[in-house]
Amino acid sequence: MTATSVLPQDPNGQLLPGAPVTGNYADIRVPGYTLISVLGQGGMGVVFLARQERLGRFVAIKMISTEATHDASYLRRLEREAQTLATLSHPNIVGCHDILTTDQGTFLVMQFVPGQLSVRDLLLRFGRISEAVVARIACDTARGLDYAWKKGICHRDIKPDNLLIYREDPSPPHTPDEAFTSPNARVMICDFGIARDALAAGSADAAAGSVLGSPAYMAPEQAFDRSQVDFRADIYALGTSLYQLLTGKRPFHGPNGIETVRLKLDADLPDPRREGVAVSDECIHILRRMGAREPSRRYAAYEELLADLASWLSQQQQIRHRRVLGHFPPAFWKGLSAGAAVVLVAVVVITGDAIRRALQPPPPSRAASLVYWSGDRSSWRAGGADAETGGPTLLGLSPNAPLTLRQVLRPDVRVRFKVRIPGASKVRCALRQGSQDRWWLHWERSRGASSFASEADGREIPLVEIPDRRPLEWLSVDIRARTREIDLYIDGKLRAIAPLKEPLTEAYLVLEIPGGGLAQFTDVWVTEMP
């Protein structure tokens, strides 16, 4: 009889991505990590979702294939690249935490990117991608490549497979646009410089040395003149990827990898309009420069490319706004005065994306699962529906440790939640930047009465009187963080304005129940402010 596979779950019973760790993988042990599920497999090996035991965070662990571990030069390159990547920290680059070797194999410990979605997945699911989404993907990827090149790193294997989409919503997107609706959604580049020789082993072209990259996307100099390989090769590969996203096809097709690259020696990246795709002149201009067969004719600096991409993306956003206006019938416009029409046009242009987001289903409450949180979560429970609110709740039991929301909070963000203390206890919520709490709110209930306190950058912040709460009554908290100021609303009313000594760049929400006790949170939302 075959044993039943159990889907991986977090301590609260919420399903986690990936397949169960079974069969040959069940006996694998990685020091300091607990393997949770299998995220994927490929020629490079298998990728696991794991939890780092000391920090309680999720990571992705790539177990390098047995064939690859027999290649000493490849392992040296892998370790060198891992050490280099460990110094990189950028929103559009998947970070590398560690590289480990045991008697079971070599393991690369990477940042876990939620969503389980790559740009290639978008291509497979939707075929051709709209120009607006392609422009967004191009901008995000180019920012990451620019940062890496300034650190002296050339990727050498840019392709849709290596572009992951950071997406906190676990449900699959219904449209390509929906993949980027969450506040922190972005493209993240993975697999820096760890691709193996993609050309046929033993071929005359590969005999002189290893060729890194994927023939369908690589620049011709990567195969035939490696002395010319620099950041411009990454620009070429990105241009090829953008062409495929727009047309649904790769631009060059040969009988094998080396012949595919040979075709690029005699031709620039073709015009996507030949495939029946209607794209803007701005798009054609950018692809023409990115996909030139000679490196000297491509963009000479990322700054120049980023400027053109930003202009292209802005153009596409304006087109989208005009389409929103087009949904209003002519009779509607005739009923407006000239002044009112101007105001409406301005409002729609400014908030076109907000209108589109409003039509999308709301993201899940961060109280729905402990997957959204890091820290010692053993004394926390998440997901159970509350009888009053009908939504999921986050329950802190005694004793407990602080819980940190994984989502990065940047200026002009709004954090809302409800909290209640059934008995005598304390609750502290903070916005933490690095190791410093830039702002915090403290609520204590004892002997049937409440007291509140708040600080920002070490200074006490005066609070407008907050009404007391009965034991099971919710307190509605609304934190609005800006670069130089944090405003606190309780029950919909402004209670405090906290000026900051230094600009707030990014922070994390931290929930804590000091000294133990019991507290319950629900309706935990993170949204952008207009």
Protein backbone atom coordinates (compact mmCIF):
# COMPACT_ATOMS: atom_id res chain seq x y z
CA MET A 1 0.00 0.00 0.00
CA THR A 2 1.33 3.46 -0.91
CA ALA A 3 1.60 5.93 1.97
CA THR A 4 -0.57 9.02 1.76
CA SER A 5 1.39 12.27 1.14
CA VAL A 6 0.53 15.07 3.52
CA LEU A 7 0.60 18.61 2.14
CA PRO A 8 2.99 20.90 4.06
CA GLN A 9 1.36 23.21 6.60
CA ASP A 10 2.52 25.91 8.98
CA PRO A 11 1.92 25.56 12.76
CA ASN A 12 -1.53 27.08 12.30
CA GLY A 13 -2.59 24.52 9.71
CA GLN A 14 -2.27 26.91 6.74
CA LEU A 15 -1.07 25.28 3.51
CA LEU A 16 2.44 26.18 2.38
CA PRO A 17 3.70 26.19 -1.23
CA GLY A 18 5.33 23.13 -2.72
CA ALA A 19 4.99 19.36 -2.63
CA PRO A 20 5.63 17.12 0.39
CA VAL A 21 9.25 16.14 1.11
CA THR A 22 9.06 12.41 0.39
CA GLY A 23 11.03 9.60 -1.24
CA ASN A 24 14.76 10.19 -1.68
CA TYR A 25 14.46 13.67 -0.21
CA ALA A 26 12.92 12.60 3.11
CA ASP A 27 16.33 11.78 4.64
CA ILE A 28 18.07 15.00 3.62
CA ARG A 29 19.26 17.16 6.51
CA VAL A 30 20.63 20.70 6.24
CA PRO A 31 22.24 21.96 9.48
CA GLY A 32 20.29 24.86 10.97
CA TYR A 33 17.29 24.44 8.67
CA THR A 34 14.09 22.40 8.59
CA LEU A 35 13.00 21.31 5.11
CA ILE A 36 9.27 21.93 4.62
CA SER A 37 8.40 21.25 0.98
CA VAL A 38 9.78 20.79 -2.54
CA LEU A 39 9.32 23.98 -4.55
CA GLY A 40 10.73 22.72 -7.84
CA GLN A 41 13.27 20.59 -9.69
CA GLY A 42 15.48 21.18 -12.69
CA GLY A 43 18.83 20.48 -14.27
CA MET A 44 20.61 22.36 -11.49
CA GLY A 45 19.00 20.28 -8.74
CA VAL A 46 16.03 20.55 -6.43
CA VAL A 47 14.75 23.60 -4.53
CA PHE A 48 13.22 23.25 -1.06
CA LEU A 49 11.18 25.62 1.06
CA ALA A 50 12.81 25.58 4.49
CA ARG A 51 12.65 27.37 7.82
CA GLN A 52 15.80 28.77 9.37
CA GLU A 53 15.71 27.45 12.92
CA ARG A 54 17.47 30.34 14.69
CA LEU A 55 15.60 33.21 13.03
CA GLY A 56 12.33 31.46 12.21
CA ARG A 57 12.27 32.84 8.66
CA PHE A 58 11.45 31.01 5.44
CA VAL A 59 14.26 30.47 2.94
CA ALA A 60 14.69 28.64 -0.36
CA ILE A 61 17.42 25.99 -0.35
CA LYS A 62 18.79 24.75 -3.65
CA MET A 63 20.42 21.33 -3.46
CA ILE A 64 22.93 21.18 -6.30
CA SER A 65 22.58 18.12 -8.54
CA THR A 66 25.03 15.23 -8.13
CA GLU A 67 26.34 15.76 -11.67
CA ALA A 68 27.13 19.39 -10.95
CA THR A 69 28.90 18.61 -7.66
CA HIS A 70 31.43 16.50 -9.60
CA ASP A 71 32.52 19.61 -11.51
CA ALA A 72 35.21 21.15 -9.29
CA SER A 73 35.51 24.35 -11.35
CA TYR A 74 31.75 24.82 -11.24
CA LEU A 75 31.67 24.42 -7.45
CA ARG A 76 34.47 26.97 -7.06
CA ARG A 77 32.55 29.40 -9.25
CA LEU A 78 29.37 28.70 -7.30
CA GLU A 79 31.01 29.46 -3.97
CA ARG A 80 32.66 32.60 -5.33
CA GLU A 81 29.36 33.87 -6.71
CA ALA A 82 27.55 33.05 -3.45
CA GLN A 83 30.10 35.03 -1.48
CA THR A 84 29.69 37.97 -3.84
CA LEU A 85 25.90 37.84 -3.81
CA ALA A 86 25.89 37.75 -0.01
CA THR A 87 27.10 41.36 -0.14
CA LEU A 88 24.19 42.47 -2.36
CA SER A 89 20.99 43.90 -0.95
CA HIS A 90 18.47 45.22 -3.44
CA PRO A 91 14.67 44.92 -3.81
CA ASN A 92 15.06 43.50 -7.32
CA ILE A 93 17.68 40.84 -6.50
CA VAL A 94 17.09 37.54 -4.71
CA GLY A 95 19.53 37.52 -1.81
CA CYS A 96 21.93 34.71 -0.97
CA HIS A 97 22.27 33.82 2.73
CA ASP A 98 24.74 30.93 2.81
CA ILE A 99 26.34 28.00 1.02
CA LEU A 100 26.77 24.70 2.84
CA THR A 101 28.42 21.41 1.99
CA THR A 102 27.66 18.18 3.87
CA ASP A 103 28.16 14.49 3.11
CA GLN A 104 24.72 14.65 1.44
CA GLY A 105 25.58 17.42 -1.02
CA THR A 106 26.02 21.15 -1.59
CA PHE A 107 23.23 23.53 -0.61
CA LEU A 108 22.69 27.16 -1.62
CA VAL A 109 20.51 29.05 0.88
CA MET A 110 18.57 31.84 -0.83
CA GLN A 111 15.93 34.41 0.03
CA PHE A 112 12.43 32.94 -0.32
CA VAL A 113 10.30 34.85 -2.83
CA PRO A 114 6.59 34.39 -2.03
CA GLY A 115 4.09 33.84 -4.80
CA GLN A 116 5.75 30.95 -6.65
CA LEU A 117 5.51 32.93 -9.88
CA SER A 118 8.11 33.70 -12.52
CA VAL A 119 7.92 35.85 -15.64
CA ARG A 120 8.08 32.61 -17.61
CA ASP A 121 4.94 31.46 -15.77
CA LEU A 122 3.15 34.59 -17.00
CA LEU A 123 4.25 33.78 -20.53
CA LEU A 124 3.08 30.17 -20.33
CA ARG A 125 -0.26 31.10 -18.80
CA PHE A 126 -1.21 34.19 -20.81
CA GLY A 127 0.88 34.04 -23.98
CA ARG A 128 1.63 37.57 -25.18
CA ILE A 129 1.94 40.10 -22.38
CA SER A 130 0.64 43.67 -22.64
CA GLU A 131 3.16 46.41 -23.35
CA ALA A 132 2.41 48.13 -20.02
CA VAL A 133 3.29 45.02 -18.00
CA VAL A 134 6.38 44.37 -20.13
CA ALA A 135 7.56 47.92 -19.46
CA ARG A 136 7.11 47.32 -15.71
CA ILE A 137 9.10 44.07 -15.88
CA ALA A 138 11.85 45.82 -17.86
CA CYS A 139 12.17 48.67 -15.34
CA ASP A 140 12.37 46.37 -12.31
CA THR A 141 14.91 44.06 -13.94
CA ALA A 142 17.12 46.90 -15.19
CA ARG A 143 17.24 48.43 -11.70
CA GLY A 144 18.53 45.17 -10.26
CA LEU A 145 21.07 44.70 -13.05
CA ASP A 146 22.28 48.29 -12.66
CA TYR A 147 22.87 47.76 -8.94
CA ALA A 148 24.70 44.48 -9.56
CA TRP A 149 26.92 45.98 -12.26
CA LYS A 150 27.92 48.82 -9.96
CA LYS A 151 29.16 46.04 -7.66
CA GLY A 152 31.09 44.54 -10.55
CA ILE A 153 28.68 41.66 -11.24
CA CYS A 154 27.38 40.60 -14.66
CA HIS A 155 24.50 38.09 -14.56
CA ARG A 156 25.14 36.35 -17.92
CA ASP A 157 21.89 34.38 -17.91
CA ILE A 158 18.95 36.80 -17.97
CA LYS A 159 15.80 35.07 -19.21
CA PRO A 160 12.13 34.83 -18.13
CA ASP A 161 12.90 31.75 -16.00
CA ASN A 162 15.32 33.76 -13.85
CA LEU A 163 12.94 36.66 -13.22
CA LEU A 164 10.74 35.92 -10.20
CA ILE A 165 7.74 37.99 -9.18
CA TYR A 166 7.52 38.85 -5.48
CA ARG A 167 3.81 38.46 -4.80
CA GLU A 168 2.24 38.10 -1.37
CA ASP A 169 -1.11 36.85 -2.66
CA PRO A 170 -0.82 33.04 -2.88
CA SER A 171 -3.67 32.71 -5.41
CA PRO A 172 -2.69 32.68 -9.12
CA PRO A 173 -3.27 35.95 -11.01
CA HIS A 174 -6.19 36.13 -13.44
CA THR A 175 -4.35 38.63 -15.67
CA PRO A 176 -0.69 39.69 -16.04
CA ASP A 177 -1.60 43.07 -14.50
CA GLU A 178 -2.92 41.33 -11.40
CA ALA A 179 0.54 39.90 -10.72
CA PHE A 180 1.67 43.41 -9.75
CA THR A 181 -1.30 44.69 -7.73
CA SER A 182 0.08 44.08 -4.21
CA PRO A 183 2.03 47.01 -2.69
CA ASN A 184 5.39 45.18 -2.62
CA ALA A 185 5.00 43.32 -5.92
CA ARG A 186 8.14 43.48 -8.02
CA VAL A 187 10.47 41.50 -10.26
CA MET A 188 13.45 39.87 -8.52
CA ILE A 189 16.46 38.47 -10.41
CA CYS A 190 17.72 35.06 -9.34
CA ASP A 191 20.57 32.67 -10.29
CA PHE A 192 23.37 35.20 -10.70
CA GLY A 193 26.24 33.64 -12.58
CA ILE A 194 25.55 30.03 -11.64
CA ALA A 195 24.35 28.73 -15.02
CA ARG A 196 26.44 25.88 -16.39
CA ASP A 197 27.68 25.45 -19.95
CA ALA A 198 24.51 25.66 -22.06
CA LEU A 199 26.16 24.59 -25.33
CA ALA A 200 26.71 21.00 -26.36
CA ALA A 201 29.49 19.41 -24.34
CA GLY A 202 32.53 18.58 -26.46
CA SER A 203 31.58 20.84 -29.37
CA ALA A 204 34.34 22.69 -31.16
CA ASP A 205 32.91 26.02 -30.04
CA ALA A 206 32.88 24.99 -26.40
CA ALA A 207 36.30 23.33 -26.45
CA ALA A 208 38.12 26.54 -25.69
CA GLY A 209 36.29 26.95 -22.39
CA SER A 210 32.96 27.11 -20.62
CA VAL A 211 30.22 29.26 -22.13
CA LEU A 212 27.78 30.65 -19.60
CA GLY A 213 24.22 31.49 -20.49
CA SER A 214 21.19 30.24 -22.42
CA PRO A 215 21.63 30.22 -26.23
CA ALA A 216 18.12 31.51 -26.92
CA TYR A 217 18.77 34.68 -24.90
CA MET A 218 22.54 35.20 -24.68
CA ALA A 219 24.38 37.89 -26.56
CA PRO A 220 26.55 36.59 -29.45
CA GLU A 221 29.79 37.70 -27.78
CA GLN A 222 29.15 35.32 -24.89
CA ALA A 223 29.79 32.41 -27.26
CA PHE A 224 32.31 33.86 -29.69
CA ASP A 225 34.20 36.73 -28.04
CA ARG A 226 34.11 36.38 -24.26
CA SER A 227 36.57 39.27 -23.83
CA GLN A 228 33.70 41.57 -24.85
CA VAL A 229 31.24 40.27 -22.24
CA ASP A 230 30.10 42.94 -19.78
CA PHE A 231 26.84 44.53 -18.65
CA ARG A 232 25.81 45.04 -22.29
CA ALA A 233 25.38 41.26 -22.62
CA ASP A 234 22.77 41.41 -19.85
CA ILE A 235 21.05 44.29 -21.64
CA TYR A 236 20.90 42.18 -24.82
CA ALA A 237 19.45 39.18 -22.95
CA LEU A 238 16.85 41.39 -21.28
CA GLY A 239 15.87 42.83 -24.67
CA THR A 240 15.46 39.30 -26.05
CA SER A 241 13.26 38.40 -23.07
CA LEU A 242 11.11 41.49 -23.61
CA TYR A 243 10.68 40.55 -27.28
CA GLN A 244 9.44 37.10 -26.25
CA LEU A 245 7.00 38.59 -23.72
CA LEU A 246 5.53 40.91 -26.35
CA THR A 247 5.28 38.35 -29.18
CA GLY A 248 5.08 35.02 -27.38
CA LYS A 249 8.03 33.79 -29.49
CA ARG A 250 11.80 33.71 -29.24
CA PRO A 251 13.47 35.88 -31.89
CA PHE A 252 16.06 33.35 -33.13
CA HIS A 253 15.64 29.60 -33.77
CA GLY A 254 18.48 27.30 -34.81
CA PRO A 255 18.69 23.49 -34.97
CA ASN A 256 20.82 23.57 -31.80
CA GLY A 257 22.19 26.01 -29.26
CA ILE A 258 25.34 27.01 -31.10
CA GLU A 259 23.50 27.58 -34.39
CA THR A 260 20.93 29.72 -32.60
CA VAL A 261 23.73 31.96 -31.35
CA ARG A 262 25.34 32.05 -34.83
CA LEU A 263 22.13 33.56 -36.24
CA LYS A 264 22.63 36.55 -33.93
CA LEU A 265 25.99 37.39 -35.51
CA ASP A 266 24.28 38.57 -38.69
CA ALA A 267 21.11 40.22 -37.40
CA ASP A 268 19.87 42.58 -34.73
CA LEU A 269 16.86 41.74 -32.60
CA PRO A 270 13.93 41.71 -35.07
CA ASP A 271 11.03 44.13 -34.99
CA PRO A 272 8.20 42.62 -32.88
CA ARG A 273 5.63 44.20 -35.21
CA ARG A 274 6.51 41.51 -37.77
CA GLU A 275 4.66 39.11 -35.48
CA GLY A 276 1.50 41.19 -35.71
CA VAL A 277 2.04 42.94 -32.38
CA ALA A 278 1.02 46.59 -32.06
CA VAL A 279 3.62 48.33 -29.90
CA SER A 280 4.67 51.94 -29.42
CA ASP A 281 7.54 53.69 -31.19
CA GLU A 282 9.17 54.12 -27.79
CA CYS A 283 9.20 50.34 -27.37
CA ILE A 284 10.75 49.80 -30.81
CA HIS A 285 13.47 52.37 -30.09
CA ILE A 286 14.40 50.68 -26.81
CA LEU A 287 14.43 47.13 -28.20
CA ARG A 288 16.49 48.22 -31.20
CA ARG A 289 19.22 49.57 -28.93
CA MET A 290 19.08 46.71 -26.44
CA GLY A 291 19.22 44.04 -29.16
CA ALA A 292 21.98 45.35 -31.41
CA ARG A 293 24.34 42.54 -32.40
CA GLU A 294 27.46 44.65 -31.71
CA PRO A 295 27.92 45.63 -28.04
CA SER A 296 29.12 49.11 -29.09
CA ARG A 297 25.66 49.91 -30.54
CA ARG A 298 23.77 49.00 -27.38
CA TYR A 299 23.15 51.27 -24.42
CA ALA A 300 26.48 52.51 -23.10
CA ALA A 301 25.26 52.83 -19.49
CA TYR A 302 22.38 51.65 -17.37
CA GLU A 303 21.51 55.24 -16.51
CA GLU A 304 20.63 55.86 -20.15
CA LEU A 305 18.60 52.66 -20.39
CA LEU A 306 16.74 53.35 -17.15
CA ALA A 307 15.81 56.84 -18.36
CA ASP A 308 14.30 55.43 -21.55
CA LEU A 309 12.50 52.66 -19.66
CA ALA A 310 11.03 55.14 -17.18
CA SER A 311 9.72 57.27 -20.07
CA TRP A 312 8.25 54.16 -21.73
CA LEU A 313 6.54 53.02 -18.54
CA SER A 314 5.12 56.51 -17.93
CA GLN A 315 3.77 56.57 -21.48
CA GLN A 316 2.05 53.21 -20.97
CA GLN A 317 0.51 54.35 -17.69
CA GLN A 318 -0.93 57.42 -19.40
CA ILE A 319 -2.44 55.22 -22.11
CA ARG A 320 -4.04 53.08 -19.41
CA HIS A 321 -5.53 56.17 -17.76
CA ARG A 322 -7.02 57.32 -21.06
CA ARG A 323 -8.62 53.90 -21.44
CA VAL A 324 -10.22 54.34 -18.03
CA LEU A 325 -11.67 57.65 -19.21
CA GLY A 326 -12.97 55.92 -22.32
CA HIS A 327 -15.33 53.79 -20.22
CA PHE A 328 -17.49 56.86 -19.49
CA PRO A 329 -20.31 57.21 -22.10
CA PRO A 330 -20.56 60.45 -24.17
CA ALA A 331 -23.81 61.39 -22.43
CA PHE A 332 -21.95 61.45 -19.12
CA TRP A 333 -19.49 64.05 -20.39
CA LYS A 334 -22.25 66.22 -21.86
CA GLY A 335 -23.82 66.44 -18.42
CA LEU A 336 -20.70 67.91 -16.88
CA SER A 337 -19.69 71.54 -16.81
CA ALA A 338 -16.31 72.32 -18.33
CA GLY A 339 -14.77 72.85 -14.90
CA ALA A 340 -16.17 69.61 -13.51
CA ALA A 341 -14.91 67.70 -16.54
CA VAL A 342 -11.38 69.04 -16.04
CA VAL A 343 -11.46 68.05 -12.39
CA LEU A 344 -12.74 64.56 -13.22
CA VAL A 345 -10.05 64.06 -15.86
CA ALA A 346 -7.39 65.06 -13.34
CA VAL A 347 -8.77 62.73 -10.71
CA VAL A 348 -8.95 59.77 -13.09
CA VAL A 349 -5.45 60.39 -14.46
CA ILE A 350 -4.04 60.52 -10.95
CA THR A 351 -6.02 57.58 -9.63
CA GLY A 352 -6.34 55.35 -12.70
CA ASP A 353 -4.29 52.62 -11.06
CA ALA A 354 -6.32 52.99 -7.88
CA ILE A 355 -9.53 52.44 -9.86
CA ARG A 356 -8.06 49.32 -11.41
CA ARG A 357 -6.91 48.04 -8.01
CA ALA A 358 -10.36 48.73 -6.56
CA LEU A 359 -11.81 46.26 -9.06
CA GLN A 360 -9.41 43.56 -7.90
CA PRO A 361 -10.25 41.29 -4.94
CA PRO A 362 -8.72 42.63 -1.70
CA PRO A 363 -5.49 41.01 -0.46
CA PRO A 364 -5.84 38.64 2.50
CA SER A 365 -5.62 39.98 6.03
CA ARG A 366 -2.14 39.46 7.48
CA ALA A 367 -3.91 37.73 10.37
CA ALA A 368 -4.87 34.89 8.02
CA SER A 369 -1.60 32.97 8.32
CA LEU A 370 1.70 32.94 10.20
CA VAL A 371 3.41 32.70 6.80
CA TYR A 372 3.23 36.51 6.72
CA TRP A 373 5.20 36.77 9.98
CA SER A 374 8.69 35.95 11.23
CA GLY A 375 10.07 35.37 14.71
CA ASP A 376 9.41 32.68 17.30
CA ARG A 377 5.85 31.81 16.30
CA SER A 378 5.39 28.80 18.56
CA SER A 379 3.11 30.73 20.94
CA TRP A 380 1.09 32.45 18.22
CA ARG A 381 -1.91 31.13 16.33
CA ALA A 382 -3.38 32.53 13.12
CA GLY A 383 -6.31 32.05 10.77
CA GLY A 384 -9.19 31.14 13.07
CA ALA A 385 -12.32 33.14 12.21
CA ASP A 386 -13.66 35.52 14.83
CA ALA A 387 -17.41 35.29 15.54
CA GLU A 388 -17.81 39.10 15.66
CA THR A 389 -15.70 40.28 12.75
CA GLY A 390 -16.03 37.19 10.57
CA GLY A 391 -12.36 37.56 9.59
CA PRO A 392 -9.25 35.60 10.56
CA THR A 393 -7.53 36.41 13.85
CA LEU A 394 -3.99 36.40 15.17
CA LEU A 395 -3.79 35.18 18.77
CA GLY A 396 -0.79 35.66 21.06
CA LEU A 397 -0.54 33.21 23.94
CA SER A 398 1.55 33.40 27.09
CA PRO A 399 4.54 33.31 27.15
CA ASN A 400 5.36 34.69 23.72
CA ALA A 401 8.00 36.45 21.61
CA PRO A 402 7.62 39.44 19.25
CA LEU A 403 6.12 38.79 15.84
CA THR A 404 7.45 40.72 12.82
CA LEU A 405 5.51 41.23 9.61
CA ARG A 406 7.69 40.12 6.69
CA GLN A 407 6.38 42.85 4.39
CA VAL A 408 8.67 45.85 4.02
CA LEU A 409 6.92 49.12 4.92
CA ARG A 410 8.07 52.22 3.08
CA PRO A 411 6.93 55.85 3.36
CA ASP A 412 3.31 56.63 2.46
CA VAL A 413 2.10 53.29 3.78
CA ARG A 414 -0.95 52.71 5.96
CA VAL A 415 -1.11 49.89 8.52
CA ARG A 416 -4.50 49.06 10.05
CA PHE A 417 -5.56 46.43 12.54
CA LYS A 418 -7.89 45.75 15.44
CA VAL A 419 -6.62 44.51 18.78
CA ARG A 420 -8.24 43.51 22.05
CA ILE A 421 -7.00 42.38 25.46
CA PRO A 422 -9.38 39.97 27.23
CA GLY A 423 -7.84 40.44 30.68
CA ALA A 424 -4.89 42.14 32.37
CA SER A 425 -2.12 42.34 29.81
CA LYS A 426 -0.01 44.62 27.62
CA VAL A 427 0.31 45.12 23.89
CA ARG A 428 3.09 46.92 22.07
CA CYS A 429 3.21 47.60 18.33
CA ALA A 430 6.25 49.22 16.72
CA LEU A 431 7.70 50.28 13.39
CA ARG A 432 11.25 48.92 13.44
CA GLN A 433 14.01 50.08 11.12
CA GLY A 434 17.08 47.87 11.47
CA SER A 435 17.48 47.27 15.19
CA GLN A 436 15.79 50.54 16.19
CA ASP A 437 12.12 51.09 16.95
CA ARG A 438 11.42 54.36 15.14
CA TRP A 439 7.91 54.52 16.58
CA TRP A 440 5.81 52.51 19.03
CA LEU A 441 2.43 52.43 20.76
CA HIS A 442 1.94 50.73 24.14
CA TRP A 443 -1.46 49.72 25.56
CA GLU A 444 -1.83 48.25 29.05
CA ARG A 445 -4.99 46.97 30.71
CA SER A 446 -4.93 46.36 34.46
CA ARG A 447 -7.67 46.38 37.09
CA GLY A 448 -10.27 47.20 34.48
CA ALA A 449 -8.57 50.40 33.26
CA SER A 450 -6.39 51.20 30.24
CA SER A 451 -3.30 53.34 29.80
CA PHE A 452 -1.59 54.33 26.54
CA ALA A 453 1.88 55.64 25.69
CA SER A 454 3.77 56.36 22.49
CA GLU A 455 7.32 57.31 21.41
CA ALA A 456 9.06 58.25 18.18
CA ASP A 457 12.86 58.28 17.86
CA GLY A 458 13.20 58.15 21.64
CA ARG A 459 10.87 61.08 22.34
CA GLU A 460 7.54 60.75 24.11
CA ILE A 461 4.59 61.62 21.87
CA PRO A 462 1.52 63.19 23.51
CA LEU A 463 -1.75 61.37 22.84
CA VAL A 464 -5.24 62.80 22.64
CA GLU A 465 -7.38 60.95 25.21
CA ILE A 466 -8.33 57.45 24.05
CA PRO A 467 -11.56 56.01 25.46
CA ASP A 468 -11.17 52.95 27.69
CA ARG A 469 -12.07 49.49 26.45
CA ARG A 470 -14.12 46.71 27.96
CA PRO A 471 -12.34 43.33 28.19
CA LEU A 472 -13.57 42.01 24.81
CA GLU A 473 -13.93 45.32 22.97
CA TRP A 474 -11.76 45.94 19.92
CA LEU A 475 -9.38 48.89 19.59
CA SER A 476 -9.10 50.06 15.96
CA VAL A 477 -5.53 51.19 15.18
CA ASP A 478 -4.59 53.07 11.99
CA ILE A 479 -0.89 53.96 11.51
CA ARG A 480 -0.02 56.28 8.62
CA ALA A 481 3.73 56.45 8.03
CA ARG A 482 5.36 59.14 5.95
CA THR A 483 9.00 60.03 5.39
CA ARG A 484 9.19 62.54 8.26
CA GLU A 485 6.03 61.88 10.26
CA ILE A 486 3.86 59.10 11.64
CA ASP A 487 0.19 59.79 12.34
CA LEU A 488 -1.85 57.61 14.69
CA TYR A 489 -5.61 57.21 14.35
CA ILE A 490 -7.65 55.32 16.96
CA ASP A 491 -11.27 54.48 16.16
CA GLY A 492 -11.04 56.69 13.07
CA LYS A 493 -9.89 59.82 14.95
CA LEU A 494 -6.44 61.42 14.89
CA ARG A 495 -4.84 60.85 18.30
CA ALA A 496 -1.16 61.72 17.74
CA ILE A 497 1.28 63.23 15.24
CA ALA A 498 4.86 62.02 15.67
CA PRO A 499 7.62 63.96 13.85
CA LEU A 500 10.74 61.94 13.05
CA LYS A 501 14.31 63.11 13.59
CA GLU A 502 15.59 61.27 10.50
CA PRO A 503 13.76 60.23 7.32
CA LEU A 504 11.98 56.89 7.46
CA THR A 505 13.28 54.76 4.57
CA GLU A 506 11.79 51.37 5.38
CA ALA A 507 10.50 49.58 8.46
CA TYR A 508 8.76 46.45 9.69
CA LEU A 509 5.67 46.12 11.85
CA VAL A 510 6.42 44.36 15.15
CA LEU A 511 3.69 43.07 17.48
CA GLU A 512 4.57 42.16 21.06
CA ILE A 513 2.80 41.19 24.29
CA PRO A 514 5.36 42.22 26.95
CA GLY A 515 5.43 40.06 30.04
CA GLY A 516 3.12 37.43 28.57
CA GLY A 517 -0.64 37.59 28.79
CA LEU A 518 -3.13 37.25 25.98
CA ALA A 519 -4.07 39.48 23.05
CA GLN A 520 -5.96 39.07 19.81
CA PHE A 521 -5.52 40.87 16.47
CA THR A 522 -7.75 40.91 13.41
CA ASP A 523 -8.21 42.84 10.12
CA VAL A 524 -4.46 43.41 9.69
CA TRP A 525 -4.14 45.36 6.44
CA VAL A 526 -1.23 47.11 4.72
CA THR A 527 -2.08 49.55 1.93
CA GLU A 528 -0.53 52.49 0.12
CA MET A 529 -1.75 55.98 0.92
CA PRO A 530 -2.93 58.14 -1.99
